[in-house]
C-alpha atoms as a PDB file:
ATOM      1  CA  MET A   1     246.897 140.903 214.633  1.00  0.00           C
ATOM      2  CA  LYS A   2     249.719 140.464 211.996  1.00  0.00           C
ATOM      3  CA  THR A   3     252.287 141.182 214.538  1.00  0.00           C
ATOM      4  CA  THR A   4     250.578 138.218 216.772  1.00  0.00           C
ATOM      5  CA  GLY A   5     250.549 136.161 213.473  1.00  0.00           C
ATOM      6  CA  ASN A   6     254.110 136.800 212.940  1.00  0.00           C
ATOM      7  CA  LYS A   7     255.450 135.695 216.276  1.00  0.00           C
ATOM      8  CA  PHE A   8     253.347 132.925 216.030  1.00  0.00           C
ATOM      9  CA  LYS A   9     254.813 131.591 212.824  1.00  0.00           C
ATOM     10  CA  ILE A  10     258.343 132.234 214.026  1.00  0.00           C
ATOM     11  CA  GLN A  11     257.856 130.063 217.221  1.00  0.00           C
ATOM     12  CA  ASN A  12     256.245 127.518 215.336  1.00  0.00           C
ATOM     13  CA  LEU A  13     259.332 127.484 212.766  1.00  0.00           C
ATOM     14  CA  LYS A  14     261.878 127.649 215.863  1.00  0.00           C
ATOM     15  CA  LEU A  15     260.008 124.523 217.357  1.00  0.00           C
ATOM     16  CA  ARG A  16     260.204 122.634 214.090  1.00  0.00           C
ATOM     17  CA  ILE A  17     263.838 123.225 213.613  1.00  0.00           C
ATOM     18  CA  LEU A  18     264.370 121.910 217.363  1.00  0.00           C
ATOM     19  CA  ASN A  19     262.333 118.641 216.663  1.00  0.00           C
ATOM     20  CA  LEU A  20     264.387 118.313 213.418  1.00  0.00           C
ATOM     21  CA  PHE A  21     267.597 118.422 215.383  1.00  0.00           C
ATOM     22  CA  LEU A  22     266.278 116.389 217.889  1.00  0.00           C
ATOM     23  CA  TYR A  23     265.118 113.752 215.479  1.00  0.00           C
ATOM     24  CA  PHE A  24     268.719 113.979 213.711  1.00  0.00           C
ATOM     25  CA  LEU A  25     270.238 113.814 217.116  1.00  0.00           C
ATOM     26  CA  LEU A  26     268.779 110.405 218.035  1.00  0.00           C
ATOM     27  CA  ILE A  27     269.329 109.065 214.651  1.00  0.00           C
ATOM     28  CA  GLY A  28     272.723 109.632 215.044  1.00  0.00           C
ATOM     29  CA  PHE A  29     273.088 108.069 218.631  1.00  0.00           C
ATOM     30  CA  THR A  30     270.816 105.125 217.201  1.00  0.00           C
ATOM     31  CA  LEU A  31     273.375 104.448 214.580  1.00  0.00           C
ATOM     32  CA  ALA A  32     276.336 104.593 217.013  1.00  0.00           C
ATOM     33  CA  VAL A  33     274.696 102.220 219.577  1.00  0.00           C
ATOM     34  CA  LEU A  34     274.153  99.668 215.937  1.00  0.00           C
ATOM     35  CA  TYR A  35     277.080 100.088 214.475  1.00  0.00           C
ATOM     36  CA  PRO A  36     278.787  98.078 216.885  1.00  0.00           C
ATOM     37  CA  ILE A  37     276.518  95.475 217.005  1.00  0.00           C
ATOM     38  CA  LEU A  38     276.377  94.887 213.149  1.00  0.00           C
ATOM     39  CA  ASN A  39     279.856  95.126 212.989  1.00  0.00           C
ATOM     40  CA  VAL A  40     280.025  91.923 215.453  1.00  0.00           C
ATOM     41  CA  PHE A  41     277.224  90.452 213.047  1.00  0.00           C
ATOM     42  CA  SER A  42     279.451  90.891 209.637  1.00  0.00           C
ATOM     43  CA  ILE A  43     282.334  89.460 211.566  1.00  0.00           C
ATOM     44  CA  SER A  44     280.461  86.539 212.750  1.00  0.00           C
ATOM     45  CA  LEU A  45     279.630  86.015 208.879  1.00  0.00           C
ATOM     46  CA  ARG A  46     282.942  86.339 207.473  1.00  0.00           C
ATOM     47  CA  PRO A  47     285.035  83.216 206.225  1.00  0.00           C
ATOM     48  CA  GLY A  48     288.030  82.136 208.288  1.00  0.00           C
ATOM     49  CA  ASP A  49     288.664  83.925 211.179  1.00  0.00           C
ATOM     50  CA  ARG A  50     289.136  87.682 209.923  1.00  0.00           C
ATOM     51  CA  LEU A  51     288.861  90.525 212.339  1.00  0.00           C
ATOM     52  CA  LEU A  52     289.577  93.476 210.076  1.00  0.00           C
ATOM     53  CA  SER A  53     288.333  94.284 206.829  1.00  0.00           C
ATOM     54  CA  THR A  54     288.198  97.284 204.715  1.00  0.00           C
ATOM     55  CA  SER A  55     285.120  96.737 203.363  1.00  0.00           C
ATOM     56  CA  LEU A  56     282.025  98.458 204.082  1.00  0.00           C
ATOM     57  CA  ASN A  57     279.795  96.169 203.156  1.00  0.00           C
ATOM     58  CA  LEU A  58     277.366  94.823 206.190  1.00  0.00           C
ATOM     59  CA  ILE A  59     277.343  91.523 204.476  1.00  0.00           C
ATOM     60  CA  PRO A  60     280.951  90.214 203.330  1.00  0.00           C
ATOM     61  CA  ASP A  61     282.131  88.351 200.169  1.00  0.00           C
ATOM     62  CA  GLY A  62     281.747  85.216 200.958  1.00  0.00           C
ATOM     63  CA  ALA A  63     279.604  85.165 204.083  1.00  0.00           C
ATOM     64  CA  SER A  64     278.241  81.987 205.352  1.00  0.00           C
ATOM     65  CA  PHE A  65     276.488  81.045 209.017  1.00  0.00           C
ATOM     66  CA  HIS A  66     279.471  78.315 209.121  1.00  0.00           C
ATOM     67  CA  ALA A  67     280.538  80.060 212.463  1.00  0.00           C
ATOM     68  CA  TYR A  68     277.181  79.440 213.801  1.00  0.00           C
ATOM     69  CA  LYS A  69     276.891  76.012 212.418  1.00  0.00           C
ATOM     70  CA  VAL A  70     280.373  75.111 213.996  1.00  0.00           C
ATOM     71  CA  LEU A  71     279.194  76.940 217.449  1.00  0.00           C
ATOM     72  CA  PHE A  72     276.033  74.682 217.843  1.00  0.00           C
ATOM     73  CA  THR A  73     277.661  70.982 216.545  1.00  0.00           C
ATOM     74  CA  GLN A  74     281.448  71.126 217.674  1.00  0.00           C
ATOM     75  CA  THR A  75     281.471  73.161 220.497  1.00  0.00           C
ATOM     76  CA  PRO A  76     279.616  72.558 223.768  1.00  0.00           C
ATOM     77  CA  PHE A  77     277.757  76.094 223.715  1.00  0.00           C
ATOM     78  CA  LEU A  78     274.474  74.253 224.801  1.00  0.00           C
ATOM     79  CA  LEU A  79     275.780  73.231 227.888  1.00  0.00           C
ATOM     80  CA  TRP A  80     277.183  76.663 228.650  1.00  0.00           C
ATOM     81  CA  PHE A  81     273.785  77.945 227.562  1.00  0.00           C
ATOM     82  CA  TRP A  82     272.183  75.806 229.550  1.00  0.00           C
ATOM     83  CA  ASN A  83     274.389  76.521 232.659  1.00  0.00           C
ATOM     84  CA  SER A  84     273.787  80.111 232.502  1.00  0.00           C
ATOM     85  CA  SER A  85     270.149  79.434 232.186  1.00  0.00           C
ATOM     86  CA  LEU A  86     269.984  77.263 235.149  1.00  0.00           C
ATOM     87  CA  ILE A  87     272.131  79.624 237.243  1.00  0.00           C
ATOM     88  CA  ALA A  88     270.490  82.943 236.256  1.00  0.00           C
ATOM     89  CA  ALA A  89     267.237  81.450 236.790  1.00  0.00           C
ATOM     90  CA  ALA A  90     267.939  80.106 240.296  1.00  0.00           C
ATOM     91  CA  VAL A  91     269.320  83.676 241.233  1.00  0.00           C
ATOM     92  CA  THR A  92     266.178  85.400 239.739  1.00  0.00           C
ATOM     93  CA  ILE A  93     263.654  83.481 241.946  1.00  0.00           C
ATOM     94  CA  THR A  94     265.977  83.499 245.132  1.00  0.00           C
ATOM     95  CA  GLY A  95     266.222  87.032 244.588  1.00  0.00           C
ATOM     96  CA  VAL A  96     262.343  88.086 243.766  1.00  0.00           C
ATOM     97  CA  ALA A  97     261.482  86.046 246.825  1.00  0.00           C
ATOM     98  CA  LEU A  98     264.034  87.364 249.231  1.00  0.00           C
ATOM     99  CA  ALA A  99     263.569  90.935 248.253  1.00  0.00           C
ATOM    100  CA  SER A 100     259.759  91.112 247.856  1.00  0.00           C
ATOM    101  CA  THR A 101     259.631  89.656 251.695  1.00  0.00           C
ATOM    102  CA  ALA A 102     262.408  91.631 253.003  1.00  0.00           C
ATOM    103  CA  GLY A 103     261.396  94.719 251.219  1.00  0.00           C
ATOM    104  CA  TYR A 104     257.733  94.311 253.011  1.00  0.00           C
ATOM    105  CA  ALA A 105     259.313  93.767 256.412  1.00  0.00           C
ATOM    106  CA  PHE A 106     261.322  96.950 256.004  1.00  0.00           C
ATOM    107  CA  SER A 107     258.508  98.769 254.596  1.00  0.00           C
ATOM    108  CA  ARG A 108     255.773  97.756 257.110  1.00  0.00           C
ATOM    109  CA  PHE A 109     257.157  97.112 260.675  1.00  0.00           C
ATOM    110  CA  ASN A 110     259.433  99.333 262.681  1.00  0.00           C
ATOM    111  CA  PHE A 111     261.352  96.708 264.230  1.00  0.00           C
ATOM    112  CA  TYR A 112     264.926  97.241 266.532  1.00  0.00           C
ATOM    113  CA  GLY A 113     267.780  97.696 263.851  1.00  0.00           C
ATOM    114  CA  ARG A 114     265.510  98.315 261.200  1.00  0.00           C
ATOM    115  CA  LYS A 115     267.385 101.866 260.303  1.00  0.00           C
ATOM    116  CA  SER A 116     270.564  99.954 260.820  1.00  0.00           C
ATOM    117  CA  ALA A 117     269.960  97.241 258.617  1.00  0.00           C
ATOM    118  CA  MET A 118     268.732  99.474 255.719  1.00  0.00           C
ATOM    119  CA  VAL A 119     271.805 101.816 256.077  1.00  0.00           C
ATOM    120  CA  GLY A 120     273.968  98.573 256.333  1.00  0.00           C
ATOM    121  CA  LEU A 121     272.464  97.673 252.916  1.00  0.00           C
ATOM    122  CA  LEU A 122     273.140 100.613 251.335  1.00  0.00           C
ATOM    123  CA  VAL A 123     276.867 100.744 252.718  1.00  0.00           C
ATOM    124  CA  THR A 124     277.028  97.380 250.842  1.00  0.00           C
ATOM    125  CA  GLN A 125     276.652  99.083 247.240  1.00  0.00           C
ATOM    126  CA  MET A 126     279.529 101.541 247.737  1.00  0.00           C
ATOM    127  CA  PHE A 127     281.981  98.781 247.216  1.00  0.00           C
ATOM    128  CA  PRO A 128     282.453  96.948 244.059  1.00  0.00           C
ATOM    129  CA  PRO A 129     281.869  93.416 243.742  1.00  0.00           C
ATOM    130  CA  THR A 130     285.398  92.834 243.150  1.00  0.00           C
ATOM    131  CA  MET A 131     286.555  94.001 246.698  1.00  0.00           C
ATOM    132  CA  LEU A 132     283.935  91.160 248.210  1.00  0.00           C
ATOM    133  CA  LEU A 133     285.334  88.274 246.006  1.00  0.00           C
ATOM    134  CA  LEU A 134     288.299  87.413 248.216  1.00  0.00           C
ATOM    135  CA  PRO A 135     286.048  87.039 251.565  1.00  0.00           C
ATOM    136  CA  MET A 136     283.416  85.511 249.722  1.00  0.00           C
ATOM    137  CA  TYR A 137     285.667  82.835 248.028  1.00  0.00           C
ATOM    138  CA  ILE A 138     287.342  82.223 251.533  1.00  0.00           C
ATOM    139  CA  MET A 139     283.195  81.435 252.803  1.00  0.00           C
ATOM    140  CA  LEU A 140     282.730  79.171 249.781  1.00  0.00           C
ATOM    141  CA  LEU A 141     285.777  77.283 250.354  1.00  0.00           C
ATOM    142  CA  LYS A 142     285.021  76.454 253.965  1.00  0.00           C
ATOM    143  CA  LEU A 143     281.649  75.442 252.755  1.00  0.00           C
ATOM    144  CA  HIS A 144     283.048  73.031 250.083  1.00  0.00           C
ATOM    145  CA  LEU A 145     280.815  74.939 247.630  1.00  0.00           C
ATOM    146  CA  ILE A 146     283.773  75.830 245.225  1.00  0.00           C
ATOM    147  CA  ASN A 147     283.083  74.405 241.727  1.00  0.00           C
ATOM    148  CA  SER A 148     279.429  74.347 241.991  1.00  0.00           C
ATOM    149  CA  TYR A 149     276.256  75.589 240.815  1.00  0.00           C
ATOM    150  CA  LEU A 150     275.084  76.558 244.378  1.00  0.00           C
ATOM    151  CA  GLY A 151     278.407  78.597 245.197  1.00  0.00           C
ATOM    152  CA  VAL A 152     277.760  80.758 242.018  1.00  0.00           C
ATOM    153  CA  ILE A 153     273.954  81.181 243.228  1.00  0.00           C
ATOM    154  CA  VAL A 154     274.945  82.380 246.624  1.00  0.00           C
ATOM    155  CA  ILE A 155     277.345  85.137 245.332  1.00  0.00           C
ATOM    156  CA  TYR A 156     274.784  86.343 242.958  1.00  0.00           C
ATOM    157  CA  THR A 157     272.103  86.451 245.299  1.00  0.00           C
ATOM    158  CA  SER A 158     273.772  87.913 247.838  1.00  0.00           C
ATOM    159  CA  THR A 159     275.024  90.672 245.473  1.00  0.00           C
ATOM    160  CA  ALA A 160     272.028  91.832 244.036  1.00  0.00           C
ATOM    161  CA  LEU A 161     269.975  91.728 246.816  1.00  0.00           C
ATOM    162  CA  PRO A 162     270.863  94.765 248.856  1.00  0.00           C
ATOM    163  CA  PHE A 163     269.562  96.941 245.515  1.00  0.00           C
ATOM    164  CA  CYS A 164     266.246  94.540 245.232  1.00  0.00           C
ATOM    165  CA  VAL A 165     265.703  95.127 248.797  1.00  0.00           C
ATOM    166  CA  TRP A 166     265.847  99.076 248.484  1.00  0.00           C
ATOM    167  CA  GLN A 167     263.741  99.138 245.173  1.00  0.00           C
ATOM    168  CA  MET A 168     261.274  96.975 246.793  1.00  0.00           C
ATOM    169  CA  LYS A 169     260.762  98.279 249.924  1.00  0.00           C
ATOM    170  CA  GLY A 170     260.688 102.243 248.180  1.00  0.00           C
ATOM    171  CA  TYR A 171     257.792 100.558 245.861  1.00  0.00           C
ATOM    172  CA  TYR A 172     255.694  99.250 249.006  1.00  0.00           C
ATOM    173  CA  ASP A 173     255.736 102.452 250.626  1.00  0.00           C
ATOM    174  CA  THR A 174     253.846 103.839 247.312  1.00  0.00           C
ATOM    175  CA  ILE A 175     251.196 101.059 248.044  1.00  0.00           C
ATOM    176  CA  PRO A 176     248.913 102.241 250.668  1.00  0.00           C
ATOM    177  CA  PHE A 177     248.383 100.444 253.912  1.00  0.00           C
ATOM    178  CA  SER A 178     244.545 101.375 254.195  1.00  0.00           C
ATOM    179  CA  LEU A 179     244.679  98.829 251.263  1.00  0.00           C
ATOM    180  CA  GLU A 180     245.908  96.186 253.535  1.00  0.00           C
ATOM    181  CA  GLU A 181     243.654  97.052 256.384  1.00  0.00           C
ATOM    182  CA  ALA A 182     240.380  96.445 254.178  1.00  0.00           C
ATOM    183  CA  ALA A 183     241.609  93.149 253.465  1.00  0.00           C
ATOM    184  CA  ARG A 184     242.072  92.448 257.142  1.00  0.00           C
ATOM    185  CA  ILE A 185     239.051  93.729 258.190  1.00  0.00           C
ATOM    186  CA  ASP A 186     236.832  91.636 255.058  1.00  0.00           C
ATOM    187  CA  GLY A 187     238.777  88.643 257.171  1.00  0.00           C
ATOM    188  CA  SER A 188     241.873  88.071 255.142  1.00  0.00           C
ATOM    189  CA  THR A 189     245.423  86.933 257.131  1.00  0.00           C
ATOM    190  CA  ARG A 190     248.303  89.336 256.840  1.00  0.00           C
ATOM    191  CA  TRP A 191     249.709  86.642 254.346  1.00  0.00           C
ATOM    192  CA  GLY A 192     246.805  86.873 252.496  1.00  0.00           C
ATOM    193  CA  ALA A 193     247.123  90.390 251.962  1.00  0.00           C
ATOM    194  CA  PHE A 194     249.981  90.795 250.839  1.00  0.00           C
ATOM    195  CA  ARG A 195     249.708  87.944 248.272  1.00  0.00           C
ATOM    196  CA  LYS A 196     246.476  88.963 247.092  1.00  0.00           C
ATOM    197  CA  ILE A 197     246.431  92.842 247.192  1.00  0.00           C
ATOM    198  CA  VAL A 198     250.451  93.935 247.610  1.00  0.00           C
ATOM    199  CA  LEU A 199     252.236  91.532 245.271  1.00  0.00           C
ATOM    200  CA  PRO A 200     249.912  92.630 242.272  1.00  0.00           C
ATOM    201  CA  LEU A 201     250.176  96.199 242.743  1.00  0.00           C
ATOM    202  CA  ALA A 202     253.942  96.009 243.336  1.00  0.00           C
ATOM    203  CA  ALA A 203     254.342  93.737 239.903  1.00  0.00           C
ATOM    204  CA  PRO A 204     256.601  96.746 238.083  1.00  0.00           C
ATOM    205  CA  ALA A 205     259.430  96.247 241.116  1.00  0.00           C
ATOM    206  CA  LEU A 206     259.197  92.525 241.117  1.00  0.00           C
ATOM    207  CA  VAL A 207     259.749  93.122 237.344  1.00  0.00           C
ATOM    208  CA  ILE A 208     262.703  95.072 237.915  1.00  0.00           C
ATOM    209  CA  THR A 209     264.221  93.176 240.700  1.00  0.00           C
ATOM    210  CA  ALA A 210     263.882  90.072 238.238  1.00  0.00           C
ATOM    211  CA  LEU A 211     265.614  91.941 235.763  1.00  0.00           C
ATOM    212  CA  PHE A 212     268.275  92.873 237.687  1.00  0.00           C
ATOM    213  CA  SER A 213     269.046  89.523 239.188  1.00  0.00           C
ATOM    214  CA  PHE A 214     268.949  87.988 235.607  1.00  0.00           C
ATOM    215  CA  MET A 215     271.414  90.075 234.568  1.00  0.00           C
ATOM    216  CA  THR A 216     273.938  90.184 237.577  1.00  0.00           C
ATOM    217  CA  ALA A 217     274.134  86.278 236.751  1.00  0.00           C
ATOM    218  CA  TRP A 218     273.281  86.110 233.063  1.00  0.00           C
ATOM    219  CA  SER A 219     276.677  88.143 231.721  1.00  0.00           C
ATOM    220  CA  GLU A 220     278.883  87.738 235.098  1.00  0.00           C
ATOM    221  CA  TYR A 221     282.382  86.804 234.354  1.00  0.00           C
ATOM    222  CA  ILE A 222     285.020  87.431 237.189  1.00  0.00           C
ATOM    223  CA  VAL A 223     282.955  85.843 239.867  1.00  0.00           C
ATOM    224  CA  ALA A 224     282.577  82.543 237.605  1.00  0.00           C
ATOM    225  CA  ALA A 225     286.116  82.372 236.874  1.00  0.00           C
ATOM    226  CA  GLN A 226     287.524  82.028 239.927  1.00  0.00           C
ATOM    227  CA  VAL A 227     284.670  79.603 241.463  1.00  0.00           C
ATOM    228  CA  LEU A 228     283.979  77.214 238.529  1.00  0.00           C
ATOM    229  CA  GLN A 229     286.985  75.112 237.050  1.00  0.00           C
ATOM    230  CA  ASP A 230     284.878  72.501 236.268  1.00  0.00           C
ATOM    231  CA  THR A 231     284.600  72.829 232.129  1.00  0.00           C
ATOM    232  CA  SER A 232     281.462  71.085 232.213  1.00  0.00           C
ATOM    233  CA  LEU A 233     279.986  73.899 234.614  1.00  0.00           C
ATOM    234  CA  PHE A 234     281.243  76.553 232.656  1.00  0.00           C
ATOM    235  CA  THR A 235     278.741  79.586 231.832  1.00  0.00           C
ATOM    236  CA  LEU A 236     278.438  81.662 228.657  1.00  0.00           C
ATOM    237  CA  PRO A 237     281.084  83.989 229.377  1.00  0.00           C
ATOM    238  CA  LEU A 238     283.582  81.428 230.443  1.00  0.00           C
ATOM    239  CA  GLY A 239     282.745  79.212 227.585  1.00  0.00           C
ATOM    240  CA  LEU A 240     283.141  82.512 224.898  1.00  0.00           C
ATOM    241  CA  LYS A 241     286.678  83.185 226.691  1.00  0.00           C
ATOM    242  CA  GLN A 242     287.864  79.570 225.543  1.00  0.00           C
ATOM    243  CA  PHE A 243     287.778  80.997 221.970  1.00  0.00           C
ATOM    244  CA  GLU A 244     290.454  83.525 222.435  1.00  0.00           C
ATOM    245  CA  ALA A 245     294.275  82.587 223.113  1.00  0.00           C
ATOM    246  CA  SER A 246     297.201  84.178 223.372  1.00  0.00           C
ATOM    247  CA  MET A 247     298.547  83.444 219.735  1.00  0.00           C
ATOM    248  CA  SER A 248     295.279  83.424 217.752  1.00  0.00           C
ATOM    249  CA  THR A 249     291.487  83.918 218.477  1.00  0.00           C
ATOM    250  CA  GLN A 250     288.597  82.364 216.820  1.00  0.00           C
ATOM    251  CA  TRP A 251     287.025  85.680 215.935  1.00  0.00           C
ATOM    252  CA  GLY A 252     284.177  83.943 213.729  1.00  0.00           C
ATOM    253  CA  LEU A 253     283.252  81.840 216.526  1.00  0.00           C
ATOM    254  CA  TYR A 254     283.513  84.845 219.185  1.00  0.00           C
ATOM    255  CA  ALA A 255     281.215  86.992 217.404  1.00  0.00           C
ATOM    256  CA  ALA A 256     278.559  84.444 216.539  1.00  0.00           C
ATOM    257  CA  GLY A 257     278.575  83.151 220.026  1.00  0.00           C
ATOM    258  CA  SER A 258     278.541  86.855 221.527  1.00  0.00           C
ATOM    259  CA  LEU A 259     275.359  87.753 219.252  1.00  0.00           C
ATOM    260  CA  LEU A 260     273.417  85.054 220.544  1.00  0.00           C
ATOM    261  CA  VAL A 261     274.001  85.380 224.334  1.00  0.00           C
ATOM    262  CA  SER A 262     272.521  88.928 223.854  1.00  0.00           C
ATOM    263  CA  VAL A 263     269.368  87.682 222.512  1.00  0.00           C
ATOM    264  CA  PRO A 264     267.652  86.242 225.751  1.00  0.00           C
ATOM    265  CA  ALA A 265     268.500  89.607 227.301  1.00  0.00           C
ATOM    266  CA  VAL A 266     267.326  91.648 224.769  1.00  0.00           C
ATOM    267  CA  ALA A 267     264.302  89.204 224.478  1.00  0.00           C
ATOM    268  CA  LEU A 268     263.237  89.960 228.044  1.00  0.00           C
ATOM    269  CA  PHE A 269     263.613  93.741 227.950  1.00  0.00           C
ATOM    270  CA  LEU A 270     261.290  93.570 225.087  1.00  0.00           C
ATOM    271  CA  ILE A 271     258.998  91.392 227.181  1.00  0.00           C
ATOM    272  CA  LEU A 272     258.930  93.298 230.254  1.00  0.00           C
ATOM    273  CA  SER A 273     259.243  96.883 228.941  1.00  0.00           C
ATOM    274  CA  ARG A 274     255.954  97.864 229.903  1.00  0.00           C
ATOM    275  CA  TRP A 275     256.753  97.658 233.447  1.00  0.00           C
ATOM    276  CA  LEU A 276     260.214  99.042 233.523  1.00  0.00           C
ATOM    277  CA  ILE A 277     259.431 102.724 233.358  1.00  0.00           C
ATOM    278  CA  SER A 278     256.510 102.750 236.317  1.00  0.00           C
ATOM    279  CA  GLY A 279     259.053 100.234 238.145  1.00  0.00           C
ATOM    280  CA  LEU A 280     262.151 102.559 238.072  1.00  0.00           C
ATOM    281  CA  THR A 281     260.156 105.897 239.010  1.00  0.00           C
ATOM    282  CA  LEU A 282     257.748 104.842 241.368  1.00  0.00           C
ATOM    283  CA  GLY A 283     259.957 103.063 243.612  1.00  0.00           C
ATOM    284  CA  SER A 284     262.724 105.753 244.220  1.00  0.00           C
ATOM    285  CA  VAL A 285     259.683 108.156 245.480  1.00  0.00           C
ATOM    286  CA  LYS A 286     259.999 107.213 248.996  1.00  0.00           C
ATOM    287  CA  GLY A 287     262.484 105.662 250.836  1.00  0.00           C
END
């Protein structure tokens, strides 16, 4: 009995040591992630445009919110924010609408060319978006969509859709078809069963689709820099790039703007966090 008790105590001690090590490891990773953010916040509070400092204080000497005041009153930051919000909202709505219906079609219907179309969607994910920039630019040029909201929305939506369609198709495969059959027996149409039965059950996958579409448009720079030349159409990444010059950079404005740009994305992640895990796992069970 004493031997069994000693073994139990040793195992319990080992488990506590392992948990303590994991806690310290997680704390270390958390500090490593938070340090750059805190450093950017400190730069945004520094007087002038000082980037480097030997002080380790989070709140620097002479700290002020002057950079934030200038950002809102003397720069077109709000216009950039509006442009990004408009484009991201359009891409999100379009992506969710197209991916939810296309994914349902791939999941429920066995039409000619179904497998080829799915493979084609998968192949597009093997190429970086920058490789598609030239043909898309030529296409927009012929359609006279250069330097317009619609041109950027078309590119962002087309690059986000393949992943979103695969995600939705995989999630629809986990929803029993018998639920739709029961609704059809009760007199519902196929569209009614899809809208009232399938879509509510697919809420986690819809959240993933919306979040991925939003992030595709919110923080993208390369495509926007090629398509948008009118300063009144600049998005937030293009606008923040204006604070950077070859001879000098407005680090205070740059840091303040960078923090404010991340706020909507972080808020969206926090609001939708309860759907994220189930949306990412269940949608990958079947393909």
